[in-house]
Amino acid sequence: MPNALIAAAAEGLPSINRRQVLHSLAASSAAAAALVAAIPAEPAEHPDADLFWLDQEMAEAEAQMHRANEACCRIGRKADKLYPPQPAGWVEPRMPDDLHEMTGGMLVRDLAFPEKQPAPLRDFHKSREEQRAAHRALQEVFLDKVNEINREAGVDAAESAYRARSAEFYKVGDRVLATPANTLEGIVVKLRAADRIGAKNDALISIAADIRRLAGEAA
């Protein structure tokens, strides 16, 4: 009985052979191909698209560098108001005339040996060195205080951030000059980057290579 049921059910189905299946698949593929062909293609990318992106990236890096510099100046002005008075500059004491006369009466080879100098001359040199050392100590105390104020005010951190932003800016500029240009617009981007980072010689070398390459491609 089961076999009879299966046979009866099959009688209501259309007969399909391998050739019909292949024709159906071929028709579907042709329709899909026509549909794909009808979709508009993406516009072609500009030959110097990479340079245009780098130009925008460099402009942003430059803006960030300027903002970091402004922060340095702002924090620095606040810190300046907290600095202690700076010690006066060092003024070497003048040698008295009588000591000059003593020096003039000595042999030149003996001037470098304190033990061979007259006592008044030795005392003068010793006093001068002590004054110099005292002034140096005052300067060191002043600089230590300035460094402490800078750390607490955030000057060191602001300067570190500025150096990082500046390094990134110049790094992008180098990437621009290292990227080949394929059009005049791309060459203009490279010239602008060279003006920004002050690397006109490098730009001329890079652009000369672009021109030679383009001329070779056109030949």
N, C-alpha and C. Protein backbone atom coordinates (compact mmCIF):
# COMPACT_ATOMS: atom_id res chain seq x y z
N MET A 1 0.80 -1.22 0.00
CA MET A 1 0.00 0.00 0.00
C MET A 1 0.84 1.27 0.00
N PRO A 2 1.91 1.37 0.83
CA PRO A 2 2.71 2.60 0.81
C PRO A 2 3.22 2.93 -0.57
N ASN A 3 3.66 1.92 -1.32
CA ASN A 3 4.18 2.19 -2.64
C ASN A 3 3.10 2.74 -3.55
N ALA A 4 1.91 2.31 -3.40
CA ALA A 4 0.81 2.79 -4.23
C ALA A 4 0.53 4.24 -3.95
N LEU A 5 0.63 4.63 -2.64
CA LEU A 5 0.40 6.03 -2.28
C LEU A 5 1.45 6.93 -2.88
N ILE A 6 2.71 6.52 -2.83
CA ILE A 6 3.80 7.32 -3.38
C ILE A 6 3.63 7.48 -4.88
N ALA A 7 3.26 6.41 -5.57
CA ALA A 7 3.08 6.48 -7.00
C ALA A 7 1.94 7.41 -7.35
N ALA A 8 0.86 7.37 -6.56
CA ALA A 8 -0.29 8.22 -6.83
C ALA A 8 0.07 9.68 -6.64
N ALA A 9 0.92 9.98 -5.61
CA ALA A 9 1.31 11.37 -5.38
C ALA A 9 2.21 11.87 -6.48
N ALA A 10 3.05 11.03 -7.00
CA ALA A 10 3.98 11.43 -8.04
C ALA A 10 3.28 11.73 -9.33
N GLU A 11 2.07 11.12 -9.51
CA GLU A 11 1.37 11.32 -10.75
C GLU A 11 0.95 12.77 -10.92
N GLY A 12 0.75 13.52 -9.79
CA GLY A 12 0.30 14.90 -9.90
C GLY A 12 1.42 15.88 -10.14
N LEU A 13 2.70 15.46 -10.12
CA LEU A 13 3.84 16.34 -10.30
C LEU A 13 4.27 16.40 -11.75
N PRO A 14 4.72 17.60 -12.22
CA PRO A 14 5.22 17.67 -13.59
C PRO A 14 6.54 16.94 -13.71
N SER A 15 6.82 16.40 -14.84
CA SER A 15 8.08 15.69 -15.05
C SER A 15 9.19 16.70 -15.31
N ILE A 16 10.32 16.66 -14.54
CA ILE A 16 11.46 17.57 -14.67
C ILE A 16 12.70 16.75 -14.95
N ASN A 17 13.40 17.09 -16.00
CA ASN A 17 14.63 16.37 -16.30
C ASN A 17 15.83 17.29 -16.13
N ARG A 18 17.05 16.78 -16.26
CA ARG A 18 18.30 17.50 -16.03
C ARG A 18 18.45 18.66 -16.99
N ARG A 19 18.00 18.50 -18.24
CA ARG A 19 18.14 19.57 -19.24
C ARG A 19 17.30 20.78 -18.86
N GLN A 20 16.11 20.54 -18.34
CA GLN A 20 15.26 21.66 -17.93
C GLN A 20 15.88 22.43 -16.76
N VAL A 21 16.48 21.70 -15.83
CA VAL A 21 17.12 22.35 -14.69
C VAL A 21 18.26 23.24 -15.15
N LEU A 22 19.07 22.76 -16.08
CA LEU A 22 20.18 23.55 -16.57
C LEU A 22 19.70 24.80 -17.29
N HIS A 23 18.64 24.68 -18.07
CA HIS A 23 18.09 25.85 -18.76
C HIS A 23 17.59 26.88 -17.75
N SER A 24 16.96 26.39 -16.69
CA SER A 24 16.43 27.30 -15.67
C SER A 24 17.55 28.05 -14.97
N LEU A 25 18.65 27.34 -14.63
CA LEU A 25 19.79 27.99 -13.96
C LEU A 25 20.44 29.00 -14.88
N ALA A 26 20.53 28.68 -16.15
CA ALA A 26 21.15 29.61 -17.10
C ALA A 26 20.34 30.89 -17.20
N ALA A 27 19.01 30.74 -17.24
CA ALA A 27 18.14 31.92 -17.32
C ALA A 27 18.29 32.79 -16.07
N SER A 28 18.39 32.16 -14.89
CA SER A 28 18.55 32.91 -13.65
C SER A 28 19.87 33.66 -13.64
N SER A 29 20.94 33.02 -14.11
CA SER A 29 22.25 33.66 -14.15
C SER A 29 22.24 34.86 -15.09
N ALA A 30 21.58 34.74 -16.21
CA ALA A 30 21.52 35.85 -17.17
C ALA A 30 20.77 37.03 -16.56
N ALA A 31 19.70 36.72 -15.83
CA ALA A 31 18.92 37.80 -15.20
C ALA A 31 19.74 38.49 -14.13
N ALA A 32 20.52 37.71 -13.35
CA ALA A 32 21.35 38.30 -12.31
C ALA A 32 22.43 39.18 -12.92
N ALA A 33 23.00 38.71 -14.03
CA ALA A 33 24.04 39.50 -14.69
C ALA A 33 23.48 40.81 -15.22
N ALA A 34 22.26 40.75 -15.76
CA ALA A 34 21.64 41.98 -16.26
C ALA A 34 21.36 42.94 -15.12
N LEU A 35 20.96 42.41 -13.96
CA LEU A 35 20.69 43.26 -12.81
C LEU A 35 21.95 43.94 -12.31
N VAL A 36 23.05 43.20 -12.25
CA VAL A 36 24.32 43.78 -11.83
C VAL A 36 24.77 44.86 -12.79
N ALA A 37 24.59 44.61 -14.08
CA ALA A 37 25.01 45.59 -15.09
C ALA A 37 24.20 46.87 -14.98
N ALA A 38 22.97 46.74 -14.49
CA ALA A 38 22.11 47.92 -14.38
C ALA A 38 22.47 48.80 -13.20
N ILE A 39 23.23 48.28 -12.19
CA ILE A 39 23.61 49.07 -11.03
C ILE A 39 24.72 50.03 -11.44
N PRO A 40 24.58 51.32 -11.16
CA PRO A 40 25.63 52.27 -11.57
C PRO A 40 26.94 51.99 -10.85
N ALA A 41 28.05 52.10 -11.56
CA ALA A 41 29.37 51.83 -10.98
C ALA A 41 29.80 52.98 -10.09
N GLU A 42 30.67 52.70 -9.09
CA GLU A 42 31.22 53.74 -8.21
C GLU A 42 32.12 54.65 -9.03
N PRO A 43 32.09 55.97 -8.74
CA PRO A 43 32.98 56.87 -9.49
C PRO A 43 34.44 56.52 -9.23
N ALA A 44 35.26 56.69 -10.24
CA ALA A 44 36.68 56.36 -10.11
C ALA A 44 37.35 57.26 -9.08
N GLU A 45 38.21 56.70 -8.22
CA GLU A 45 38.91 57.47 -7.19
C GLU A 45 39.98 58.35 -7.83
N HIS A 46 40.17 59.53 -7.27
CA HIS A 46 41.17 60.46 -7.81
C HIS A 46 42.56 59.83 -7.68
N PRO A 47 43.42 60.03 -8.67
CA PRO A 47 44.77 59.42 -8.62
C PRO A 47 45.58 59.86 -7.40
N ASP A 48 45.29 61.03 -6.85
CA ASP A 48 46.03 61.53 -5.69
C ASP A 48 45.17 61.56 -4.43
N ALA A 49 44.22 60.63 -4.34
CA ALA A 49 43.33 60.59 -3.17
C ALA A 49 44.12 60.43 -1.87
N ASP A 50 45.19 59.63 -1.91
CA ASP A 50 46.00 59.43 -0.70
C ASP A 50 46.63 60.75 -0.23
N LEU A 51 47.10 61.54 -1.20
CA LEU A 51 47.69 62.83 -0.83
C LEU A 51 46.65 63.78 -0.26
N PHE A 52 45.44 63.75 -0.80
CA PHE A 52 44.39 64.63 -0.28
C PHE A 52 44.04 64.26 1.16
N TRP A 53 43.99 62.96 1.45
CA TRP A 53 43.72 62.53 2.82
C TRP A 53 44.86 62.95 3.74
N LEU A 54 46.08 62.80 3.28
CA LEU A 54 47.23 63.22 4.09
C LEU A 54 47.24 64.72 4.30
N ASP A 55 46.79 65.47 3.31
CA ASP A 55 46.71 66.93 3.44
C ASP A 55 45.75 67.30 4.57
N GLN A 56 44.61 66.65 4.62
CA GLN A 56 43.65 66.89 5.69
C GLN A 56 44.21 66.46 7.05
N GLU A 57 44.89 65.31 7.04
CA GLU A 57 45.49 64.83 8.29
C GLU A 57 46.56 65.79 8.80
N MET A 58 47.32 66.36 7.87
CA MET A 58 48.36 67.31 8.27
C MET A 58 47.75 68.60 8.81
N ALA A 59 46.67 69.06 8.20
CA ALA A 59 46.00 70.26 8.68
C ALA A 59 45.50 70.05 10.11
N GLU A 60 44.95 68.88 10.39
CA GLU A 60 44.48 68.59 11.75
C GLU A 60 45.65 68.49 12.72
N ALA A 61 46.74 67.86 12.29
CA ALA A 61 47.92 67.76 13.16
C ALA A 61 48.49 69.14 13.45
N GLU A 62 48.46 70.02 12.47
CA GLU A 62 48.96 71.38 12.68
C GLU A 62 48.07 72.13 13.67
N ALA A 63 46.75 71.96 13.55
CA ALA A 63 45.84 72.61 14.48
C ALA A 63 46.06 72.12 15.91
N GLN A 64 46.26 70.82 16.06
CA GLN A 64 46.51 70.27 17.39
C GLN A 64 47.83 70.78 17.95
N MET A 65 48.84 70.92 17.09
CA MET A 65 50.13 71.44 17.53
C MET A 65 49.98 72.88 18.02
N HIS A 66 49.22 73.69 17.30
CA HIS A 66 49.01 75.08 17.70
C HIS A 66 48.25 75.16 19.03
N ARG A 67 47.26 74.28 19.20
CA ARG A 67 46.52 74.28 20.46
C ARG A 67 47.42 73.89 21.62
N ALA A 68 48.30 72.92 21.39
CA ALA A 68 49.24 72.52 22.45
C ALA A 68 50.21 73.65 22.77
N ASN A 69 50.63 74.39 21.76
CA ASN A 69 51.53 75.52 21.99
C ASN A 69 50.82 76.62 22.78
N GLU A 70 49.57 76.87 22.46
CA GLU A 70 48.81 77.88 23.21
C GLU A 70 48.66 77.48 24.67
N ALA A 71 48.46 76.18 24.90
CA ALA A 71 48.36 75.70 26.28
C ALA A 71 49.67 75.90 27.02
N CYS A 72 50.79 75.65 26.35
CA CYS A 72 52.11 75.87 26.95
C CYS A 72 52.28 77.34 27.35
N CYS A 73 51.91 78.22 26.44
CA CYS A 73 52.07 79.65 26.72
C CYS A 73 51.18 80.08 27.88
N ARG A 74 49.96 79.59 27.90
CA ARG A 74 49.02 79.96 28.96
C ARG A 74 49.50 79.48 30.33
N ILE A 75 49.92 78.23 30.40
CA ILE A 75 50.40 77.69 31.67
C ILE A 75 51.72 78.34 32.06
N GLY A 76 52.58 78.63 31.06
CA GLY A 76 53.86 79.26 31.34
C GLY A 76 53.69 80.64 31.94
N ARG A 77 52.72 81.40 31.45
CA ARG A 77 52.49 82.74 31.99
C ARG A 77 52.06 82.68 33.46
N LYS A 78 51.26 81.67 33.78
CA LYS A 78 50.83 81.52 35.18
C LYS A 78 52.02 81.14 36.07
N ALA A 79 52.89 80.26 35.55
CA ALA A 79 54.04 79.83 36.34
C ALA A 79 55.03 80.97 36.53
N ASP A 80 55.19 81.83 35.51
CA ASP A 80 56.14 82.94 35.61
C ASP A 80 55.85 83.82 36.82
N LYS A 81 54.58 83.98 37.13
CA LYS A 81 54.20 84.86 38.24
C LYS A 81 54.59 84.27 39.60
N LEU A 82 54.90 82.98 39.62
CA LEU A 82 55.25 82.31 40.88
C LEU A 82 56.75 82.18 41.10
N TYR A 83 57.54 82.55 40.09
CA TYR A 83 58.99 82.40 40.22
C TYR A 83 59.55 83.37 41.25
N PRO A 84 60.56 82.93 42.02
CA PRO A 84 61.25 83.84 42.94
C PRO A 84 62.15 84.80 42.16
N PRO A 85 62.60 85.88 42.79
CA PRO A 85 63.52 86.80 42.11
C PRO A 85 64.80 86.08 41.68
N GLN A 86 65.23 86.35 40.48
CA GLN A 86 66.45 85.72 39.98
C GLN A 86 67.68 86.42 40.53
N PRO A 87 68.67 85.66 40.97
CA PRO A 87 69.90 86.29 41.48
C PRO A 87 70.57 87.15 40.41
N ALA A 88 71.25 88.18 40.87
CA ALA A 88 71.97 89.06 39.94
C ALA A 88 73.07 88.27 39.22
N GLY A 89 73.42 88.75 38.05
CA GLY A 89 74.47 88.08 37.29
C GLY A 89 75.83 88.19 37.96
N TRP A 90 76.68 87.27 37.61
CA TRP A 90 78.02 87.23 38.20
C TRP A 90 78.90 88.33 37.60
N VAL A 91 79.51 89.10 38.48
CA VAL A 91 80.45 90.14 38.05
C VAL A 91 81.79 89.83 38.71
N GLU A 92 82.76 89.48 37.90
CA GLU A 92 84.07 89.12 38.44
C GLU A 92 84.77 90.34 39.03
N PRO A 93 85.26 90.21 40.26
CA PRO A 93 85.93 91.37 40.90
C PRO A 93 87.21 91.76 40.15
N ARG A 94 87.44 93.06 40.11
CA ARG A 94 88.61 93.58 39.42
C ARG A 94 89.85 93.39 40.29
N MET A 95 90.93 92.96 39.66
CA MET A 95 92.18 92.77 40.39
C MET A 95 92.81 94.15 40.68
N PRO A 96 93.18 94.41 41.91
CA PRO A 96 93.83 95.69 42.24
C PRO A 96 95.14 95.89 41.47
N ASP A 97 95.50 97.14 41.34
CA ASP A 97 96.70 97.47 40.56
C ASP A 97 97.96 96.86 41.16
N ASP A 98 98.06 96.86 42.50
CA ASP A 98 99.28 96.32 43.10
C ASP A 98 99.43 94.83 42.83
N LEU A 99 98.29 94.12 42.76
CA LEU A 99 98.37 92.69 42.44
C LEU A 99 98.73 92.49 40.97
N HIS A 100 98.29 93.40 40.12
CA HIS A 100 98.69 93.34 38.72
C HIS A 100 100.21 93.46 38.61
N GLU A 101 100.76 94.33 39.42
CA GLU A 101 102.21 94.52 39.39
C GLU A 101 102.93 93.26 39.85
N MET A 102 102.35 92.60 40.88
CA MET A 102 102.93 91.32 41.33
C MET A 102 102.91 90.30 40.21
N THR A 103 101.79 90.24 39.53
CA THR A 103 101.67 89.28 38.42
C THR A 103 102.69 89.57 37.34
N GLY A 104 102.87 90.86 37.05
CA GLY A 104 103.83 91.23 36.02
C GLY A 104 105.25 90.88 36.38
N GLY A 105 105.57 90.78 37.69
CA GLY A 105 106.93 90.44 38.08
C GLY A 105 107.18 88.95 38.18
N MET A 106 106.17 88.12 37.89
CA MET A 106 106.34 86.66 37.98
C MET A 106 106.68 86.06 36.62
N LEU A 107 107.31 84.90 36.67
CA LEU A 107 107.54 84.15 35.44
C LEU A 107 106.21 83.57 34.95
N VAL A 108 106.05 83.55 33.64
CA VAL A 108 104.79 83.07 33.08
C VAL A 108 104.51 81.63 33.49
N ARG A 109 105.56 80.81 33.53
CA ARG A 109 105.35 79.40 33.88
C ARG A 109 104.92 79.22 35.32
N ASP A 110 105.17 80.24 36.19
CA ASP A 110 104.81 80.11 37.60
C ASP A 110 103.38 80.57 37.88
N LEU A 111 102.74 81.26 36.91
CA LEU A 111 101.39 81.79 37.15
C LEU A 111 100.36 80.68 37.37
N ALA A 112 100.61 79.51 36.80
CA ALA A 112 99.65 78.41 36.93
C ALA A 112 99.79 77.65 38.25
N PHE A 113 100.79 78.00 39.07
CA PHE A 113 101.03 77.28 40.33
C PHE A 113 100.79 78.22 41.51
N PRO A 114 99.66 78.05 42.23
CA PRO A 114 99.35 78.96 43.34
C PRO A 114 100.45 79.01 44.40
N GLU A 115 101.12 77.89 44.63
CA GLU A 115 102.16 77.85 45.67
C GLU A 115 103.35 78.75 45.32
N LYS A 116 103.51 79.11 44.07
CA LYS A 116 104.60 79.97 43.66
C LYS A 116 104.20 81.44 43.58
N GLN A 117 102.92 81.72 43.89
CA GLN A 117 102.43 83.10 43.83
C GLN A 117 102.61 83.79 45.19
N PRO A 118 102.74 85.09 45.20
CA PRO A 118 102.79 85.83 46.47
C PRO A 118 101.47 85.64 47.23
N ALA A 119 101.51 85.69 48.56
CA ALA A 119 100.34 85.45 49.40
C ALA A 119 99.17 86.36 49.03
N PRO A 120 99.37 87.68 48.84
CA PRO A 120 98.23 88.54 48.50
C PRO A 120 97.54 88.12 47.19
N LEU A 121 98.33 87.63 46.24
CA LEU A 121 97.75 87.19 44.96
C LEU A 121 96.96 85.90 45.16
N ARG A 122 97.50 85.01 45.99
CA ARG A 122 96.77 83.77 46.27
C ARG A 122 95.46 84.07 46.97
N ASP A 123 95.49 85.00 47.92
CA ASP A 123 94.27 85.34 48.65
C ASP A 123 93.20 85.93 47.72
N PHE A 124 93.65 86.73 46.78
CA PHE A 124 92.69 87.33 45.84
C PHE A 124 92.03 86.25 44.99
N HIS A 125 92.83 85.35 44.45
CA HIS A 125 92.27 84.28 43.61
C HIS A 125 91.33 83.38 44.42
N LYS A 126 91.69 83.10 45.68
CA LYS A 126 90.85 82.27 46.53
C LYS A 126 89.51 82.95 46.81
N SER A 127 89.57 84.25 47.13
CA SER A 127 88.34 85.00 47.40
C SER A 127 87.44 85.04 46.16
N ARG A 128 88.06 85.22 45.01
CA ARG A 128 87.27 85.29 43.77
C ARG A 128 86.57 83.96 43.50
N GLU A 129 87.25 82.85 43.71
CA GLU A 129 86.64 81.55 43.48
C GLU A 129 85.53 81.26 44.49
N GLU A 130 85.71 81.72 45.73
CA GLU A 130 84.65 81.55 46.73
C GLU A 130 83.40 82.34 46.35
N GLN A 131 83.59 83.56 45.84
CA GLN A 131 82.45 84.36 45.39
C GLN A 131 81.75 83.70 44.20
N ARG A 132 82.56 83.18 43.31
CA ARG A 132 81.99 82.49 42.14
C ARG A 132 81.15 81.29 42.58
N ALA A 133 81.69 80.50 43.51
CA ALA A 133 80.98 79.31 43.99
C ALA A 133 79.69 79.70 44.71
N ALA A 134 79.72 80.79 45.50
CA ALA A 134 78.52 81.24 46.20
C ALA A 134 77.44 81.67 45.21
N HIS A 135 77.85 82.38 44.15
CA HIS A 135 76.88 82.79 43.14
C HIS A 135 76.31 81.59 42.41
N ARG A 136 77.14 80.61 42.12
CA ARG A 136 76.67 79.40 41.45
C ARG A 136 75.65 78.67 42.33
N ALA A 137 75.88 78.63 43.63
CA ALA A 137 74.95 77.98 44.54
C ALA A 137 73.60 78.69 44.54
N LEU A 138 73.62 80.03 44.53
CA LEU A 138 72.36 80.78 44.47
C LEU A 138 71.60 80.48 43.19
N GLN A 139 72.32 80.38 42.08
CA GLN A 139 71.68 80.06 40.81
C GLN A 139 71.05 78.68 40.83
N GLU A 140 71.73 77.71 41.44
CA GLU A 140 71.19 76.36 41.51
C GLU A 140 69.93 76.30 42.36
N VAL A 141 69.92 77.05 43.48
CA VAL A 141 68.72 77.10 44.31
C VAL A 141 67.55 77.71 43.53
N PHE A 142 67.85 78.78 42.79
CA PHE A 142 66.82 79.43 41.99
C PHE A 142 66.25 78.48 40.93
N LEU A 143 67.14 77.78 40.22
CA LEU A 143 66.68 76.87 39.17
C LEU A 143 65.90 75.70 39.74
N ASP A 144 66.30 75.20 40.90
CA ASP A 144 65.56 74.11 41.54
C ASP A 144 64.13 74.56 41.87
N LYS A 145 64.00 75.79 42.36
CA LYS A 145 62.68 76.30 42.69
C LYS A 145 61.84 76.49 41.43
N VAL A 146 62.46 77.00 40.37
CA VAL A 146 61.74 77.17 39.10
C VAL A 146 61.25 75.83 38.56
N ASN A 147 62.10 74.82 38.61
CA ASN A 147 61.71 73.49 38.13
C ASN A 147 60.57 72.92 38.96
N GLU A 148 60.61 73.16 40.27
CA GLU A 148 59.52 72.68 41.13
C GLU A 148 58.20 73.36 40.78
N ILE A 149 58.25 74.66 40.56
CA ILE A 149 57.04 75.40 40.19
C ILE A 149 56.51 74.91 38.85
N ASN A 150 57.40 74.68 37.91
CA ASN A 150 56.98 74.20 36.59
C ASN A 150 56.28 72.86 36.67
N ARG A 151 56.81 71.96 37.48
CA ARG A 151 56.18 70.64 37.62
C ARG A 151 54.79 70.78 38.23
N GLU A 152 54.67 71.57 39.29
CA GLU A 152 53.39 71.71 39.97
C GLU A 152 52.37 72.45 39.11
N ALA A 153 52.81 73.39 38.30
CA ALA A 153 51.89 74.16 37.46
C ALA A 153 51.50 73.41 36.19
N GLY A 154 52.20 72.33 35.87
CA GLY A 154 51.88 71.57 34.67
C GLY A 154 52.65 72.00 33.44
N VAL A 155 53.70 72.81 33.64
CA VAL A 155 54.48 73.28 32.50
C VAL A 155 55.18 72.11 31.81
N ASP A 156 55.76 71.22 32.59
CA ASP A 156 56.49 70.09 32.01
C ASP A 156 55.56 69.20 31.18
N ALA A 157 54.36 68.93 31.73
CA ALA A 157 53.42 68.09 31.00
C ALA A 157 52.95 68.77 29.72
N ALA A 158 52.71 70.09 29.80
CA ALA A 158 52.26 70.82 28.61
C ALA A 158 53.34 70.83 27.54
N GLU A 159 54.58 71.00 27.94
CA GLU A 159 55.67 71.00 26.96
C GLU A 159 55.86 69.62 26.35
N SER A 160 55.67 68.58 27.15
CA SER A 160 55.77 67.21 26.63
C SER A 160 54.67 66.96 25.59
N ALA A 161 53.46 67.44 25.87
CA ALA A 161 52.35 67.28 24.92
C ALA A 161 52.63 68.04 23.64
N TYR A 162 53.20 69.23 23.78
CA TYR A 162 53.52 70.02 22.58
C TYR A 162 54.58 69.31 21.73
N ARG A 163 55.60 68.76 22.37
CA ARG A 163 56.63 68.05 21.61
C ARG A 163 56.04 66.87 20.87
N ALA A 164 55.09 66.17 21.51
CA ALA A 164 54.47 65.02 20.85
C ALA A 164 53.64 65.46 19.65
N ARG A 165 52.87 66.54 19.80
CA ARG A 165 52.05 67.04 18.70
C ARG A 165 52.93 67.55 17.57
N SER A 166 54.01 68.21 17.92
CA SER A 166 54.92 68.74 16.91
C SER A 166 55.56 67.60 16.13
N ALA A 167 55.98 66.55 16.83
CA ALA A 167 56.59 65.41 16.16
C ALA A 167 55.61 64.74 15.21
N GLU A 168 54.34 64.64 15.61
CA GLU A 168 53.32 64.03 14.76
C GLU A 168 53.09 64.88 13.51
N PHE A 169 53.08 66.20 13.69
CA PHE A 169 52.89 67.12 12.56
C PHE A 169 53.99 66.92 11.52
N TYR A 170 55.24 66.91 11.96
CA TYR A 170 56.34 66.75 11.01
C TYR A 170 56.37 65.34 10.42
N LYS A 171 55.91 64.38 11.18
CA LYS A 171 55.85 63.01 10.66
C LYS A 171 54.87 62.91 9.50
N VAL A 172 53.71 63.55 9.64
CA VAL A 172 52.73 63.55 8.55
C VAL A 172 53.30 64.28 7.33
N GLY A 173 54.01 65.39 7.58
CA GLY A 173 54.63 66.11 6.49
C GLY A 173 55.61 65.25 5.72
N ASP A 174 56.38 64.46 6.43
CA ASP A 174 57.32 63.56 5.76
C ASP A 174 56.58 62.51 4.94
N ARG A 175 55.43 62.05 5.45
CA ARG A 175 54.64 61.06 4.70
C ARG A 175 54.10 61.67 3.41
N VAL A 176 53.71 62.95 3.47
CA VAL A 176 53.23 63.62 2.26
C VAL A 176 54.33 63.65 1.20
N LEU A 177 55.52 64.07 1.61
CA LEU A 177 56.62 64.17 0.65
C LEU A 177 57.05 62.80 0.13
N ALA A 178 56.80 61.76 0.90
CA ALA A 178 57.20 60.41 0.47
C ALA A 178 56.16 59.76 -0.43
N THR A 179 54.98 60.38 -0.56
CA THR A 179 53.92 59.80 -1.39
C THR A 179 54.00 60.34 -2.81
N PRO A 180 54.07 59.49 -3.83
CA PRO A 180 54.17 59.97 -5.21
C PRO A 180 52.93 60.76 -5.60
N ALA A 181 53.11 61.84 -6.35
CA ALA A 181 52.01 62.64 -6.89
C ALA A 181 51.78 62.26 -8.34
N ASN A 182 50.49 62.17 -8.72
CA ASN A 182 50.13 61.77 -10.08
C ASN A 182 49.49 62.89 -10.88
N THR A 183 49.18 64.01 -10.21
CA THR A 183 48.53 65.15 -10.88
C THR A 183 49.13 66.44 -10.33
N LEU A 184 48.77 67.55 -10.99
CA LEU A 184 49.22 68.85 -10.49
C LEU A 184 48.62 69.14 -9.12
N GLU A 185 47.39 68.69 -8.89
CA GLU A 185 46.78 68.90 -7.57
C GLU A 185 47.59 68.21 -6.48
N GLY A 186 48.08 67.02 -6.78
CA GLY A 186 48.91 66.31 -5.81
C GLY A 186 50.22 67.02 -5.56
N ILE A 187 50.81 67.57 -6.61
CA ILE A 187 52.06 68.31 -6.45
C ILE A 187 51.85 69.55 -5.59
N VAL A 188 50.70 70.22 -5.75
CA VAL A 188 50.39 71.39 -4.92
C VAL A 188 50.30 70.99 -3.46
N VAL A 189 49.72 69.83 -3.18
CA VAL A 189 49.64 69.35 -1.79
C VAL A 189 51.04 69.19 -1.21
N LYS A 190 51.95 68.64 -2.00
CA LYS A 190 53.32 68.44 -1.53
C LYS A 190 54.04 69.76 -1.30
N LEU A 191 53.80 70.73 -2.18
CA LEU A 191 54.40 72.06 -1.99
C LEU A 191 53.87 72.71 -0.71
N ARG A 192 52.59 72.56 -0.45
CA ARG A 192 52.01 73.13 0.76
C ARG A 192 52.60 72.47 2.01
N ALA A 193 52.77 71.17 1.96
CA ALA A 193 53.38 70.47 3.09
C ALA A 193 54.81 70.94 3.32
N ALA A 194 55.55 71.15 2.23
CA ALA A 194 56.93 71.61 2.37
C ALA A 194 56.99 72.99 3.01
N ASP A 195 56.05 73.87 2.64
CA ASP A 195 56.02 75.20 3.27
C ASP A 195 55.72 75.08 4.76
N ARG A 196 54.86 74.16 5.13
CA ARG A 196 54.48 74.02 6.53
C ARG A 196 55.63 73.53 7.40
N ILE A 197 56.40 72.59 6.89
CA ILE A 197 57.46 72.01 7.72
C ILE A 197 58.84 72.56 7.38
N GLY A 198 58.88 73.50 6.42
CA GLY A 198 60.17 74.11 6.08
C GLY A 198 61.14 73.13 5.44
N ALA A 199 60.64 72.29 4.54
CA ALA A 199 61.49 71.29 3.89
C ALA A 199 61.41 71.46 2.38
N LYS A 200 61.71 72.66 1.91
CA LYS A 200 61.57 72.94 0.48
C LYS A 200 62.53 72.12 -0.36
N ASN A 201 63.74 71.90 0.13
CA ASN A 201 64.69 71.11 -0.65
C ASN A 201 64.20 69.68 -0.83
N ASP A 202 63.68 69.09 0.25
CA ASP A 202 63.14 67.73 0.16
C ASP A 202 61.96 67.69 -0.80
N ALA A 203 61.13 68.76 -0.76
CA ALA A 203 59.97 68.80 -1.66
C ALA A 203 60.40 68.85 -3.11
N LEU A 204 61.40 69.66 -3.41
CA LEU A 204 61.88 69.76 -4.79
C LEU A 204 62.40 68.42 -5.29
N ILE A 205 63.12 67.71 -4.43
CA ILE A 205 63.64 66.39 -4.82
C ILE A 205 62.49 65.42 -5.09
N SER A 206 61.48 65.43 -4.19
CA SER A 206 60.35 64.52 -4.34
C SER A 206 59.53 64.85 -5.58
N ILE A 207 59.27 66.15 -5.80
CA ILE A 207 58.46 66.55 -6.94
C ILE A 207 59.21 66.32 -8.25
N ALA A 208 60.52 66.53 -8.25
CA ALA A 208 61.31 66.24 -9.44
C ALA A 208 61.19 64.76 -9.81
N ALA A 209 61.18 63.90 -8.80
CA ALA A 209 61.01 62.47 -9.07
C ALA A 209 59.63 62.19 -9.64
N ASP A 210 58.61 62.90 -9.13
CA ASP A 210 57.25 62.73 -9.68
C ASP A 210 57.21 63.12 -11.15
N ILE A 211 57.81 64.25 -11.47
CA ILE A 211 57.79 64.74 -12.86
C ILE A 211 58.50 63.76 -13.79
N ARG A 212 59.66 63.28 -13.35
CA ARG A 212 60.38 62.32 -14.18
C ARG A 212 59.57 61.05 -14.38
N ARG A 213 58.93 60.60 -13.31
CA ARG A 213 58.12 59.37 -13.42
C ARG A 213 56.93 59.59 -14.35
N LEU A 214 56.23 60.72 -14.21
CA LEU A 214 55.08 60.99 -15.06
C LEU A 214 55.50 61.16 -16.53
N ALA A 215 56.64 61.80 -16.73
CA ALA A 215 57.11 61.96 -18.09
C ALA A 215 57.45 60.61 -18.71
N GLY A 216 58.01 59.75 -17.90
CA GLY A 216 58.33 58.42 -18.40
C GLY A 216 57.09 57.62 -18.71
N GLU A 217 56.05 57.77 -17.93
CA GLU A 217 54.80 57.05 -18.18
C GLU A 217 54.12 57.59 -19.45
N ALA A 218 54.26 58.92 -19.65
CA ALA A 218 53.59 59.53 -20.81
C ALA A 218 54.32 59.23 -22.11
N ALA A 219 55.62 58.95 -22.01
CA ALA A 219 56.42 58.74 -23.24
C ALA A 219 56.02 57.46 -23.95
